Amino acid sequence: MKAQTKPFALCIDNSDYRASLIPGKVYRILPDAKAAKDDLVRIVDESGEDYLYHRDHFVFVDFPPAVKKKVLALQDVA
């Protein structure tokens, strides 16, 4: 499996993680090459901490620079 290159993950399935992930929410991905080899992605979840989740819970997205800046600013405030 190739390394994840997009900086954001849109949650499409929160099975087994209802308290940690919200379907339809965009999460920031933290690079983790070792985890990516196991089809895992490191996400800053609802706890505000980063945890590993299987990539099947997400679709991976990117945004134009202006939108990316606003999304990151919103997540830094939360």
Foldseek 3Di string as FASTA:
>chain_A
DDFDDFQKWAFCDCVVNVVWADHRDIWGWDGDVVLVVVQWTWTCTPVSHTDIDHNVRTDGDHDPPVVNVVVVVVSVVD
